[in-house]
């Protein structure tokens, strides 16, 4: 039986880059104050380029952005505080509808679905996570911060598949970061790149890999 594993931030949850302007409004900051642009304008984001080139990891990238945020606010801030300003809207405005549809279609066909995330509990407060209903729809979850294994460490993918009681080989894995996809594919997973700039293609590829109607 095939299995489906999602990264959460990006494939399921909108990226911070897609929500930064709303965050600026909520915080009373001038447009462009949150200057990180990530994949949407990599040429304007040297820190993102460093991440993509393997000079820093994703956690390092966001630590840098929190430091910039602290400077903007004139006090020490935290990652959950920054994320709270971005993700203050209702769940319907934060979750990709196609991700919810794919998750539910997979489960309706008896396909187990897991969440493999590095930073859900590092980025978001416990209360916020509890209010996001889609989290409870996953059959199993691995969170790097809680479980002590981070993608692209092979142990992270193996633990995810162990919790789903499925084989690593042939499991469909959806992520927005190429480095995480390479780690999955090295173990025999089917890697699907979910580009947040054009997510529809990734969802269609995942459906095809699972034998689900597009």
N, C-alpha and C. Protein backbone atom coordinates (compact mmCIF):
# COMPACT_ATOMS: atom_id res chain seq x y z
N UNK A 1 0.85 -1.20 0.00
CA UNK A 1 0.00 0.00 0.00
C UNK A 1 0.88 1.25 0.00
N UNK A 2 0.56 2.24 -0.85
CA UNK A 2 1.33 3.48 -0.83
C UNK A 2 1.02 4.29 0.43
N UNK A 3 1.87 5.23 0.71
CA UNK A 3 1.66 6.15 1.83
C UNK A 3 2.02 7.56 1.36
N UNK A 4 1.46 8.54 2.04
CA UNK A 4 1.69 9.95 1.71
C UNK A 4 2.22 10.66 2.94
N UNK A 5 3.32 11.38 2.76
CA UNK A 5 3.89 12.17 3.85
C UNK A 5 4.05 13.61 3.39
N UNK A 6 3.53 14.53 4.18
CA UNK A 6 3.65 15.96 3.90
C UNK A 6 4.67 16.59 4.84
N UNK A 7 5.50 17.47 4.32
CA UNK A 7 6.05 18.54 5.14
C UNK A 7 4.87 19.47 5.43
N UNK A 8 4.89 20.15 6.57
CA UNK A 8 3.72 20.98 6.92
C UNK A 8 3.84 22.40 6.38
N UNK A 9 4.88 23.12 6.81
CA UNK A 9 5.03 24.51 6.38
C UNK A 9 5.47 24.59 4.93
N UNK A 10 4.60 25.10 4.08
CA UNK A 10 4.88 25.19 2.64
C UNK A 10 3.90 24.37 1.85
N UNK A 11 3.96 23.04 1.95
CA UNK A 11 2.99 22.22 1.23
C UNK A 11 1.57 22.29 1.78
N UNK A 12 1.42 22.36 3.10
CA UNK A 12 0.09 22.41 3.71
C UNK A 12 -0.23 23.82 4.19
N UNK A 13 0.64 24.36 5.01
CA UNK A 13 0.48 25.72 5.54
C UNK A 13 1.16 26.71 4.61
N UNK A 14 0.51 27.83 4.34
CA UNK A 14 1.15 28.86 3.54
C UNK A 14 2.50 29.26 4.16
N UNK A 15 3.44 29.64 3.32
CA UNK A 15 4.75 30.03 3.82
C UNK A 15 4.70 31.41 4.46
N UNK A 16 5.64 31.71 5.36
CA UNK A 16 5.70 33.07 5.91
C UNK A 16 5.87 34.14 4.84
N UNK A 17 6.51 33.77 3.74
CA UNK A 17 6.74 34.75 2.68
C UNK A 17 5.43 35.22 2.06
N UNK A 18 4.44 34.34 2.02
CA UNK A 18 3.15 34.68 1.45
C UNK A 18 2.30 35.53 2.40
N UNK A 19 2.71 35.61 3.66
CA UNK A 19 1.90 36.29 4.67
C UNK A 19 2.61 37.49 5.29
N UNK A 20 3.78 37.82 4.83
CA UNK A 20 4.56 38.85 5.53
C UNK A 20 3.92 40.24 5.43
N UNK A 21 3.23 40.52 4.33
CA UNK A 21 2.61 41.84 4.21
C UNK A 21 1.44 41.99 5.20
N UNK A 22 0.68 40.90 5.39
CA UNK A 22 -0.38 40.95 6.41
C UNK A 22 0.23 41.15 7.80
N UNK A 23 1.36 40.51 8.02
CA UNK A 23 2.05 40.68 9.30
C UNK A 23 2.50 42.10 9.52
N UNK A 24 3.01 42.72 8.48
CA UNK A 24 3.42 44.12 8.60
C UNK A 24 2.24 45.00 8.98
N UNK A 25 1.10 44.75 8.35
CA UNK A 25 -0.10 45.54 8.67
C UNK A 25 -0.49 45.36 10.13
N UNK A 26 -0.49 44.12 10.60
CA UNK A 26 -0.90 43.86 11.99
C UNK A 26 0.06 44.49 12.99
N UNK A 27 1.32 44.55 12.63
CA UNK A 27 2.34 45.09 13.54
C UNK A 27 2.53 46.59 13.39
N UNK A 28 1.85 47.19 12.42
CA UNK A 28 2.02 48.62 12.18
C UNK A 28 3.36 48.98 11.57
N UNK A 29 3.94 48.03 10.84
CA UNK A 29 5.24 48.27 10.19
C UNK A 29 5.03 48.78 8.77
N UNK A 30 5.99 49.55 8.29
CA UNK A 30 5.93 50.02 6.91
C UNK A 30 6.04 48.84 5.94
N UNK A 31 5.36 48.91 4.80
CA UNK A 31 5.49 47.85 3.80
C UNK A 31 6.95 47.63 3.43
N UNK A 32 7.36 46.38 3.39
CA UNK A 32 8.74 46.04 3.07
C UNK A 32 9.66 45.95 4.27
N UNK A 33 9.11 46.22 5.47
CA UNK A 33 9.94 46.14 6.66
C UNK A 33 10.43 44.71 6.90
N UNK A 34 9.55 43.75 6.66
CA UNK A 34 9.95 42.34 6.71
C UNK A 34 10.49 42.01 5.32
N UNK A 35 11.78 42.18 5.17
CA UNK A 35 12.38 42.24 3.83
C UNK A 35 12.73 40.88 3.25
N UNK A 36 12.60 39.82 4.03
CA UNK A 36 12.94 38.49 3.51
C UNK A 36 11.89 38.05 2.48
N UNK A 37 12.36 37.52 1.37
CA UNK A 37 11.48 37.18 0.26
C UNK A 37 11.58 35.71 -0.13
N UNK A 38 12.61 35.01 0.34
CA UNK A 38 12.74 33.58 0.10
C UNK A 38 12.64 33.20 -1.37
N UNK A 39 11.85 32.16 -1.69
CA UNK A 39 11.79 31.67 -3.07
C UNK A 39 11.05 32.61 -4.02
N UNK A 40 10.33 33.58 -3.47
CA UNK A 40 9.57 34.47 -4.33
C UNK A 40 10.44 35.55 -4.97
N UNK A 41 11.57 35.85 -4.38
CA UNK A 41 12.54 36.78 -4.97
C UNK A 41 13.91 36.48 -4.37
N UNK A 42 14.49 35.33 -4.72
CA UNK A 42 15.74 34.91 -4.10
C UNK A 42 16.90 35.86 -4.32
N UNK A 43 16.88 36.59 -5.42
CA UNK A 43 17.97 37.52 -5.70
C UNK A 43 18.02 38.65 -4.68
N UNK A 44 16.87 38.94 -4.05
CA UNK A 44 16.81 40.02 -3.06
C UNK A 44 17.02 39.52 -1.64
N UNK A 45 17.29 38.23 -1.49
CA UNK A 45 17.38 37.63 -0.16
C UNK A 45 18.67 36.82 -0.06
N UNK A 46 19.79 37.46 0.27
CA UNK A 46 21.07 36.74 0.32
C UNK A 46 21.09 35.64 1.37
N UNK A 47 20.34 35.80 2.46
CA UNK A 47 20.28 34.74 3.47
C UNK A 47 19.62 33.49 2.89
N UNK A 48 18.58 33.69 2.10
CA UNK A 48 17.92 32.56 1.45
C UNK A 48 18.88 31.87 0.48
N UNK A 49 19.63 32.65 -0.24
CA UNK A 49 20.61 32.07 -1.15
C UNK A 49 21.63 31.23 -0.38
N UNK A 50 22.05 31.71 0.78
CA UNK A 50 22.99 30.93 1.60
C UNK A 50 22.37 29.61 2.03
N UNK A 51 21.09 29.65 2.38
CA UNK A 51 20.39 28.42 2.77
C UNK A 51 20.32 27.46 1.60
N UNK A 52 19.91 27.94 0.44
CA UNK A 52 19.79 27.08 -0.72
C UNK A 52 21.13 26.51 -1.17
N UNK A 53 22.20 27.24 -0.91
CA UNK A 53 23.53 26.79 -1.29
C UNK A 53 24.21 25.95 -0.22
N UNK A 54 23.49 25.66 0.87
CA UNK A 54 24.02 24.79 1.90
C UNK A 54 24.97 25.44 2.88
N UNK A 55 25.06 26.77 2.88
CA UNK A 55 25.96 27.46 3.80
C UNK A 55 25.35 27.57 5.19
N UNK A 56 24.04 27.61 5.26
CA UNK A 56 23.31 27.60 6.53
C UNK A 56 22.12 26.66 6.35
N UNK A 57 21.50 26.24 7.46
CA UNK A 57 20.29 25.43 7.33
C UNK A 57 19.06 26.31 7.53
N UNK A 58 17.89 25.72 7.43
CA UNK A 58 16.66 26.52 7.50
C UNK A 58 16.48 27.16 8.87
N UNK A 59 16.87 26.43 9.91
CA UNK A 59 16.75 27.02 11.26
C UNK A 59 17.66 28.22 11.41
N UNK A 60 18.86 28.14 10.83
CA UNK A 60 19.77 29.29 10.85
C UNK A 60 19.15 30.48 10.12
N UNK A 61 18.53 30.19 8.97
CA UNK A 61 17.91 31.26 8.19
C UNK A 61 16.88 32.01 9.02
N UNK A 62 16.03 31.28 9.73
CA UNK A 62 14.98 31.94 10.49
C UNK A 62 15.50 32.61 11.77
N UNK A 63 16.58 32.10 12.31
CA UNK A 63 17.20 32.80 13.44
C UNK A 63 17.67 34.19 13.01
N UNK A 64 18.21 34.28 11.81
CA UNK A 64 18.65 35.57 11.27
C UNK A 64 17.45 36.51 11.13
N UNK A 65 16.33 35.99 10.64
CA UNK A 65 15.16 36.84 10.43
C UNK A 65 14.55 37.29 11.76
N UNK A 66 14.60 36.43 12.76
CA UNK A 66 14.12 36.84 14.09
C UNK A 66 15.00 37.95 14.65
N UNK A 67 16.29 37.88 14.42
CA UNK A 67 17.19 38.95 14.86
C UNK A 67 16.83 40.27 14.17
N UNK A 68 16.53 40.21 12.87
CA UNK A 68 16.11 41.41 12.15
C UNK A 68 14.79 41.93 12.73
N UNK A 69 13.88 41.01 13.04
CA UNK A 69 12.59 41.39 13.61
C UNK A 69 12.78 42.07 14.97
N UNK A 70 13.68 41.54 15.77
CA UNK A 70 13.97 42.15 17.07
C UNK A 70 14.46 43.58 16.89
N UNK A 71 15.33 43.79 15.89
CA UNK A 71 15.83 45.13 15.63
C UNK A 71 14.70 46.07 15.22
N UNK A 72 13.78 45.57 14.41
CA UNK A 72 12.64 46.38 13.99
C UNK A 72 11.76 46.77 15.18
N UNK A 73 11.56 45.82 16.09
CA UNK A 73 10.66 46.05 17.21
C UNK A 73 11.35 46.76 18.37
N UNK A 74 12.67 46.84 18.33
CA UNK A 74 13.41 47.52 19.38
C UNK A 74 13.48 46.75 20.68
N UNK A 75 13.32 45.42 20.59
CA UNK A 75 13.39 44.56 21.77
C UNK A 75 13.63 43.13 21.31
N UNK A 76 13.99 42.27 22.23
CA UNK A 76 14.21 40.88 21.88
C UNK A 76 12.88 40.20 21.61
N UNK A 77 12.79 39.49 20.51
CA UNK A 77 11.58 38.77 20.14
C UNK A 77 11.91 37.30 19.91
N UNK A 78 10.88 36.52 19.65
CA UNK A 78 11.05 35.09 19.43
C UNK A 78 10.41 34.69 18.10
N UNK A 79 10.76 33.49 17.64
CA UNK A 79 10.15 32.98 16.42
C UNK A 79 8.64 32.85 16.56
N UNK A 80 8.10 32.24 17.64
CA UNK A 80 6.63 32.17 17.76
C UNK A 80 5.96 33.53 17.75
N UNK A 81 6.62 34.55 18.28
CA UNK A 81 6.04 35.89 18.27
C UNK A 81 5.95 36.43 16.85
N UNK A 82 7.00 36.22 16.07
CA UNK A 82 6.97 36.65 14.67
C UNK A 82 5.90 35.88 13.90
N UNK A 83 5.87 34.57 14.09
CA UNK A 83 4.89 33.75 13.37
C UNK A 83 3.46 34.09 13.76
N UNK A 84 3.25 34.45 15.03
CA UNK A 84 1.90 34.80 15.50
C UNK A 84 1.34 35.99 14.73
N UNK A 85 2.21 36.94 14.40
CA UNK A 85 1.76 38.11 13.64
C UNK A 85 1.40 37.75 12.21
N UNK A 86 2.09 36.76 11.66
CA UNK A 86 1.83 36.36 10.28
C UNK A 86 0.60 35.45 10.17
N UNK A 87 0.45 34.56 11.15
CA UNK A 87 -0.57 33.52 11.07
C UNK A 87 -1.74 33.78 12.01
N UNK A 88 -2.16 35.01 12.10
CA UNK A 88 -3.25 35.38 13.00
C UNK A 88 -4.63 35.20 12.36
N UNK A 89 -4.68 34.90 11.09
CA UNK A 89 -5.96 34.77 10.41
C UNK A 89 -6.62 33.43 10.67
N UNK A 90 -7.84 33.25 10.15
CA UNK A 90 -8.55 31.97 10.31
C UNK A 90 -7.85 30.86 9.53
N UNK A 91 -8.06 29.63 9.97
CA UNK A 91 -7.42 28.48 9.32
C UNK A 91 -7.70 28.44 7.83
N UNK A 92 -8.89 28.80 7.42
CA UNK A 92 -9.26 28.75 6.01
C UNK A 92 -8.38 29.63 5.14
N UNK A 93 -7.75 30.64 5.74
CA UNK A 93 -6.88 31.55 4.98
C UNK A 93 -5.40 31.16 5.10
N UNK A 94 -5.11 30.12 5.84
CA UNK A 94 -3.72 29.73 6.11
C UNK A 94 -3.34 28.39 5.51
N UNK A 95 -4.32 27.54 5.26
CA UNK A 95 -4.08 26.19 4.76
C UNK A 95 -4.40 26.13 3.27
N UNK A 96 -3.54 25.47 2.51
CA UNK A 96 -3.81 25.32 1.07
C UNK A 96 -4.99 24.36 0.88
N UNK A 97 -6.06 24.80 0.23
CA UNK A 97 -7.22 23.92 0.03
C UNK A 97 -6.85 22.62 -0.68
N UNK A 98 -5.92 22.68 -1.63
CA UNK A 98 -5.53 21.47 -2.36
C UNK A 98 -4.84 20.47 -1.46
N UNK A 99 -4.15 20.95 -0.42
CA UNK A 99 -3.51 20.03 0.52
C UNK A 99 -4.56 19.30 1.34
N UNK A 100 -5.56 20.03 1.79
CA UNK A 100 -6.64 19.40 2.57
C UNK A 100 -7.37 18.37 1.71
N UNK A 101 -7.64 18.72 0.46
CA UNK A 101 -8.34 17.80 -0.44
C UNK A 101 -7.51 16.54 -0.69
N UNK A 102 -6.20 16.71 -0.89
CA UNK A 102 -5.34 15.56 -1.14
C UNK A 102 -5.26 14.67 0.09
N UNK A 103 -5.11 15.27 1.25
CA UNK A 103 -5.05 14.50 2.49
C UNK A 103 -6.32 13.65 2.65
N UNK A 104 -7.46 14.28 2.47
CA UNK A 104 -8.73 13.57 2.68
C UNK A 104 -8.98 12.54 1.60
N UNK A 105 -8.61 12.84 0.36
CA UNK A 105 -8.78 11.86 -0.72
C UNK A 105 -7.90 10.64 -0.47
N UNK A 106 -6.66 10.87 -0.03
CA UNK A 106 -5.76 9.76 0.24
C UNK A 106 -6.33 8.87 1.34
N UNK A 107 -6.79 9.49 2.42
CA UNK A 107 -7.32 8.70 3.54
C UNK A 107 -8.59 7.94 3.14
N UNK A 108 -9.40 8.55 2.29
CA UNK A 108 -10.63 7.87 1.86
C UNK A 108 -10.32 6.65 1.00
N UNK A 109 -9.12 6.59 0.43
CA UNK A 109 -8.68 5.43 -0.35
C UNK A 109 -7.81 4.49 0.48
N UNK A 110 -7.81 4.69 1.78
CA UNK A 110 -7.05 3.80 2.64
C UNK A 110 -5.56 4.05 2.67
N UNK A 111 -5.13 5.22 2.18
CA UNK A 111 -3.71 5.56 2.14
C UNK A 111 -3.35 6.31 3.43
N UNK A 112 -2.43 5.79 4.23
CA UNK A 112 -2.04 6.50 5.44
C UNK A 112 -1.31 7.79 5.12
N UNK A 113 -1.52 8.81 5.95
CA UNK A 113 -0.95 10.14 5.69
C UNK A 113 -0.23 10.63 6.94
N UNK A 114 1.03 11.02 6.78
CA UNK A 114 1.82 11.52 7.90
C UNK A 114 2.32 12.93 7.67
N UNK A 115 2.71 13.57 8.76
CA UNK A 115 3.33 14.89 8.70
C UNK A 115 4.77 14.77 9.23
N UNK A 116 5.72 15.18 8.40
CA UNK A 116 7.13 15.17 8.78
C UNK A 116 7.64 16.61 8.72
N UNK A 117 7.75 17.22 9.88
CA UNK A 117 8.12 18.63 9.96
C UNK A 117 9.33 18.82 10.85
N UNK A 118 10.16 19.77 10.50
CA UNK A 118 11.31 20.06 11.35
C UNK A 118 10.97 21.01 12.48
N UNK A 119 10.03 21.92 12.25
CA UNK A 119 9.95 23.07 13.15
C UNK A 119 8.55 23.51 13.56
N UNK A 120 7.56 22.67 13.46
CA UNK A 120 6.20 23.12 13.80
C UNK A 120 6.16 23.69 15.21
N UNK A 121 6.67 22.95 16.19
CA UNK A 121 6.59 23.42 17.57
C UNK A 121 7.67 24.44 17.91
N UNK A 122 8.64 24.63 17.03
CA UNK A 122 9.61 25.71 17.23
C UNK A 122 9.05 27.03 16.73
N UNK A 123 8.25 26.97 15.67
CA UNK A 123 7.74 28.17 15.04
C UNK A 123 6.44 28.68 15.66
N UNK A 124 5.61 27.76 16.14
CA UNK A 124 4.26 28.14 16.53
C UNK A 124 3.96 27.75 17.97
N UNK A 125 3.17 28.59 18.63
CA UNK A 125 2.78 28.33 20.01
C UNK A 125 1.83 27.14 20.09
N UNK A 126 1.85 26.47 21.23
CA UNK A 126 1.01 25.30 21.43
C UNK A 126 -0.46 25.62 21.22
N UNK A 127 -0.91 26.77 21.70
CA UNK A 127 -2.31 27.15 21.57
C UNK A 127 -2.70 27.32 20.10
N UNK A 128 -1.80 27.90 19.31
CA UNK A 128 -2.08 28.10 17.89
C UNK A 128 -2.20 26.75 17.19
N UNK A 129 -1.27 25.85 17.46
CA UNK A 129 -1.30 24.52 16.83
C UNK A 129 -2.59 23.80 17.17
N UNK A 130 -3.01 23.91 18.43
CA UNK A 130 -4.24 23.24 18.87
C UNK A 130 -5.46 23.74 18.12
N UNK A 131 -5.41 24.98 17.62
CA UNK A 131 -6.54 25.55 16.91
C UNK A 131 -6.56 25.25 15.43
N UNK A 132 -5.54 24.59 14.91
CA UNK A 132 -5.46 24.25 13.49
C UNK A 132 -5.97 22.82 13.32
N UNK A 133 -7.19 22.69 12.86
CA UNK A 133 -7.86 21.39 12.89
C UNK A 133 -7.22 20.36 11.97
N UNK A 134 -6.59 20.80 10.88
CA UNK A 134 -6.03 19.83 9.94
C UNK A 134 -4.93 19.00 10.58
N UNK A 135 -4.29 19.53 11.60
CA UNK A 135 -3.21 18.79 12.27
C UNK A 135 -3.72 17.45 12.79
N UNK A 136 -4.94 17.44 13.29
CA UNK A 136 -5.50 16.21 13.87
C UNK A 136 -5.90 15.20 12.81
N UNK A 137 -5.91 15.59 11.54
CA UNK A 137 -6.31 14.67 10.47
C UNK A 137 -5.18 13.74 10.03
N UNK A 138 -3.94 14.07 10.40
CA UNK A 138 -2.82 13.21 10.03
C UNK A 138 -2.82 11.95 10.90
N UNK A 139 -2.42 10.84 10.30
CA UNK A 139 -2.38 9.58 11.04
C UNK A 139 -1.20 9.52 12.00
N UNK A 140 -0.13 10.22 11.69
CA UNK A 140 1.05 10.23 12.55
C UNK A 140 1.88 11.47 12.22
N UNK A 141 2.71 11.88 13.16
CA UNK A 141 3.53 13.07 12.96
C UNK A 141 4.92 12.85 13.55
N UNK A 142 5.91 13.41 12.87
CA UNK A 142 7.27 13.53 13.41
C UNK A 142 7.62 15.00 13.37
N UNK A 143 8.00 15.55 14.51
CA UNK A 143 8.42 16.94 14.62
C UNK A 143 9.87 16.95 15.07
N UNK A 144 10.73 17.58 14.27
CA UNK A 144 12.16 17.55 14.57
C UNK A 144 12.50 18.02 15.97
N UNK A 145 11.87 19.10 16.40
CA UNK A 145 12.18 19.64 17.71
C UNK A 145 11.81 18.66 18.82
N UNK A 146 10.67 18.02 18.69
CA UNK A 146 10.20 17.10 19.73
C UNK A 146 10.89 15.74 19.66
N UNK A 147 11.15 15.28 18.44
CA UNK A 147 11.68 13.93 18.26
C UNK A 147 13.20 13.88 18.13
N UNK A 148 13.83 15.03 17.98
CA UNK A 148 15.29 15.07 17.95
C UNK A 148 15.91 14.58 16.66
N UNK A 149 15.14 14.52 15.58
CA UNK A 149 15.67 14.15 14.27
C UNK A 149 15.14 15.14 13.24
N UNK A 150 16.02 15.70 12.45
CA UNK A 150 15.65 16.73 11.49
C UNK A 150 15.94 16.28 10.07
N UNK A 151 15.00 16.53 9.17
CA UNK A 151 15.29 16.34 7.75
C UNK A 151 16.52 17.21 7.39
N UNK A 152 17.41 16.72 6.57
CA UNK A 152 17.38 15.49 5.78
C UNK A 152 18.07 14.29 6.42
N UNK A 153 18.18 14.23 7.73
CA UNK A 153 18.72 13.06 8.40
C UNK A 153 17.87 11.84 8.04
N UNK A 154 18.47 10.76 7.55
CA UNK A 154 17.68 9.57 7.19
C UNK A 154 16.80 9.06 8.33
N UNK A 155 17.24 9.28 9.58
CA UNK A 155 16.46 8.80 10.72
C UNK A 155 15.09 9.45 10.79
N UNK A 156 14.96 10.68 10.31
CA UNK A 156 13.67 11.37 10.35
C UNK A 156 12.65 10.69 9.45
N UNK A 157 13.06 10.33 8.24
CA UNK A 157 12.16 9.67 7.30
C UNK A 157 11.81 8.25 7.79
N UNK A 158 12.81 7.58 8.32
CA UNK A 158 12.56 6.22 8.82
C UNK A 158 11.59 6.23 9.99
N UNK A 159 11.74 7.21 10.90
CA UNK A 159 10.83 7.30 12.04
C UNK A 159 9.42 7.60 11.57
N UNK A 160 9.28 8.46 10.58
CA UNK A 160 7.96 8.78 10.06
C UNK A 160 7.28 7.53 9.52
N UNK A 161 8.01 6.75 8.73
CA UNK A 161 7.42 5.56 8.14
C UNK A 161 7.17 4.47 9.19
N UNK A 162 8.00 4.43 10.20
CA UNK A 162 7.76 3.50 11.30
C UNK A 162 6.45 3.82 12.00
N UNK A 163 6.19 5.10 12.22
CA UNK A 163 4.95 5.49 12.90
C UNK A 163 3.72 5.24 12.03
N UNK A 164 3.91 5.30 10.72
CA UNK A 164 2.79 4.99 9.82
C UNK A 164 2.68 3.51 9.54
N UNK A 165 3.70 2.73 9.96
CA UNK A 165 3.75 1.28 9.69
C UNK A 165 3.76 0.99 8.20
N UNK A 166 4.60 1.75 7.46
CA UNK A 166 4.73 1.56 6.02
C UNK A 166 6.21 1.48 5.67
N UNK A 167 6.50 1.02 4.47
CA UNK A 167 7.87 0.96 3.98
C UNK A 167 8.33 2.36 3.56
N UNK A 168 9.60 2.64 3.79
CA UNK A 168 10.15 3.92 3.32
C UNK A 168 10.13 3.95 1.80
N UNK A 169 10.55 2.87 1.19
CA UNK A 169 10.60 2.81 -0.27
C UNK A 169 9.19 2.91 -0.86
N UNK A 170 9.05 3.84 -1.78
CA UNK A 170 7.77 4.02 -2.45
C UNK A 170 6.82 4.98 -1.78
N UNK A 171 7.12 5.40 -0.55
CA UNK A 171 6.28 6.40 0.11
C UNK A 171 6.41 7.74 -0.60
N UNK A 172 5.31 8.39 -0.83
CA UNK A 172 5.30 9.68 -1.52
C UNK A 172 5.52 10.79 -0.49
N UNK A 173 6.55 11.60 -0.72
CA UNK A 173 6.92 12.64 0.23
C UNK A 173 6.87 14.00 -0.46
N UNK A 174 6.10 14.91 0.12
CA UNK A 174 5.88 16.25 -0.47
C UNK A 174 6.56 17.29 0.41
N UNK A 175 7.46 18.07 -0.18
CA UNK A 175 8.20 19.09 0.58
C UNK A 175 8.52 20.24 -0.35
N UNK A 176 8.74 21.42 0.23
CA UNK A 176 9.08 22.58 -0.60
C UNK A 176 10.57 22.84 -0.65
N UNK A 177 11.38 22.06 0.08
CA UNK A 177 12.82 22.29 0.12
C UNK A 177 13.57 21.16 -0.60
N UNK A 178 14.31 21.49 -1.66
CA UNK A 178 15.05 20.46 -2.41
C UNK A 178 15.97 19.61 -1.54
N UNK A 179 16.61 20.20 -0.53
CA UNK A 179 17.52 19.43 0.30
C UNK A 179 16.78 18.31 1.03
N UNK A 180 15.56 18.56 1.45
CA UNK A 180 14.78 17.53 2.13
C UNK A 180 14.30 16.46 1.17
N UNK A 181 14.01 16.86 -0.05
CA UNK A 181 13.60 15.89 -1.07
C UNK A 181 14.76 14.97 -1.44
N UNK A 182 15.94 15.53 -1.54
CA UNK A 182 17.10 14.70 -1.87
C UNK A 182 17.34 13.66 -0.78
N UNK A 183 17.17 14.06 0.48
CA UNK A 183 17.32 13.12 1.59
C UNK A 183 16.31 11.99 1.52
N UNK A 184 15.07 12.33 1.16
CA UNK A 184 14.02 11.32 1.06
C UNK A 184 14.28 10.37 -0.11
N UNK A 185 14.64 10.93 -1.24
CA UNK A 185 14.85 10.12 -2.44
C UNK A 185 16.04 9.18 -2.29
N UNK A 186 17.02 9.57 -1.50
CA UNK A 186 18.18 8.70 -1.26
C UNK A 186 17.78 7.41 -0.56
N UNK A 187 16.64 7.42 0.14
CA UNK A 187 16.15 6.24 0.84
C UNK A 187 15.12 5.45 0.03
N UNK A 188 14.79 5.96 -1.15
CA UNK A 188 13.82 5.27 -2.00
C UNK A 188 12.43 5.85 -1.97
N UNK A 189 12.25 6.98 -1.28
CA UNK A 189 10.95 7.64 -1.31
C UNK A 189 10.74 8.32 -2.67
N UNK A 190 9.49 8.60 -2.98
CA UNK A 190 9.15 9.35 -4.19
C UNK A 190 9.01 10.81 -3.78
N UNK A 191 9.96 11.63 -4.17
CA UNK A 191 9.96 13.03 -3.77
C UNK A 191 9.14 13.90 -4.71
N UNK A 192 8.28 14.71 -4.14
CA UNK A 192 7.45 15.65 -4.91
C UNK A 192 7.77 17.06 -4.43
N UNK A 193 8.25 17.90 -5.33
CA UNK A 193 8.56 19.28 -4.97
C UNK A 193 7.29 20.13 -5.05
N UNK A 194 6.94 20.72 -3.92
CA UNK A 194 5.79 21.64 -3.87
C UNK A 194 6.36 23.05 -3.89
N UNK A 195 6.37 23.65 -5.06
CA UNK A 195 6.88 25.01 -5.20
C UNK A 195 5.78 25.98 -4.76
N UNK A 196 5.98 26.74 -3.69
CA UNK A 196 4.91 27.64 -3.22
C UNK A 196 4.55 28.72 -4.22
N UNK A 197 5.40 28.94 -5.21
CA UNK A 197 5.07 29.93 -6.24
C UNK A 197 4.07 29.38 -7.24
N UNK A 198 4.00 28.06 -7.36
CA UNK A 198 3.08 27.40 -8.29
C UNK A 198 2.72 26.03 -7.73
N UNK A 199 1.94 25.99 -6.65
CA UNK A 199 1.73 24.73 -5.93
C UNK A 199 0.90 23.69 -6.66
N UNK A 200 0.07 24.09 -7.62
CA UNK A 200 -0.84 23.14 -8.26
C UNK A 200 -0.10 21.98 -8.91
N UNK A 201 1.05 22.26 -9.50
CA UNK A 201 1.81 21.20 -10.19
C UNK A 201 2.25 20.13 -9.21
N UNK A 202 2.69 20.53 -8.03
CA UNK A 202 3.13 19.56 -7.04
C UNK A 202 1.99 18.67 -6.57
N UNK A 203 0.82 19.25 -6.35
CA UNK A 203 -0.32 18.44 -5.92
C UNK A 203 -0.74 17.46 -7.01
N UNK A 204 -0.69 17.88 -8.26
CA UNK A 204 -1.03 16.98 -9.35
C UNK A 204 -0.03 15.84 -9.44
N UNK A 205 1.24 16.12 -9.24
CA UNK A 205 2.27 15.07 -9.29
C UNK A 205 2.08 14.08 -8.15
N UNK A 206 1.74 14.59 -6.97
CA UNK A 206 1.52 13.70 -5.83
C UNK A 206 0.31 12.79 -6.09
N UNK A 207 -0.75 13.36 -6.63
CA UNK A 207 -1.93 12.55 -6.94
C UNK A 207 -1.58 11.46 -7.95
N UNK A 208 -0.82 11.81 -8.96
CA UNK A 208 -0.45 10.82 -9.96
C UNK A 208 0.40 9.71 -9.36
N UNK A 209 1.31 10.08 -8.47
CA UNK A 209 2.18 9.08 -7.84
C UNK A 209 1.39 8.13 -6.95
N UNK A 210 0.28 8.62 -6.38
CA UNK A 210 -0.56 7.82 -5.50
C UNK A 210 -1.68 7.09 -6.24
N UNK A 211 -1.83 7.38 -7.54
CA UNK A 211 -2.90 6.77 -8.30
C UNK A 211 -4.26 7.36 -8.01
N UNK A 212 -4.27 8.62 -7.57
CA UNK A 212 -5.52 9.31 -7.28
C UNK A 212 -5.91 10.19 -8.46
N UNK A 213 -7.19 10.39 -8.64
CA UNK A 213 -7.68 11.22 -9.74
C UNK A 213 -7.20 12.66 -9.56
N UNK A 214 -6.83 13.30 -10.66
CA UNK A 214 -6.40 14.69 -10.63
C UNK A 214 -7.55 15.60 -11.00
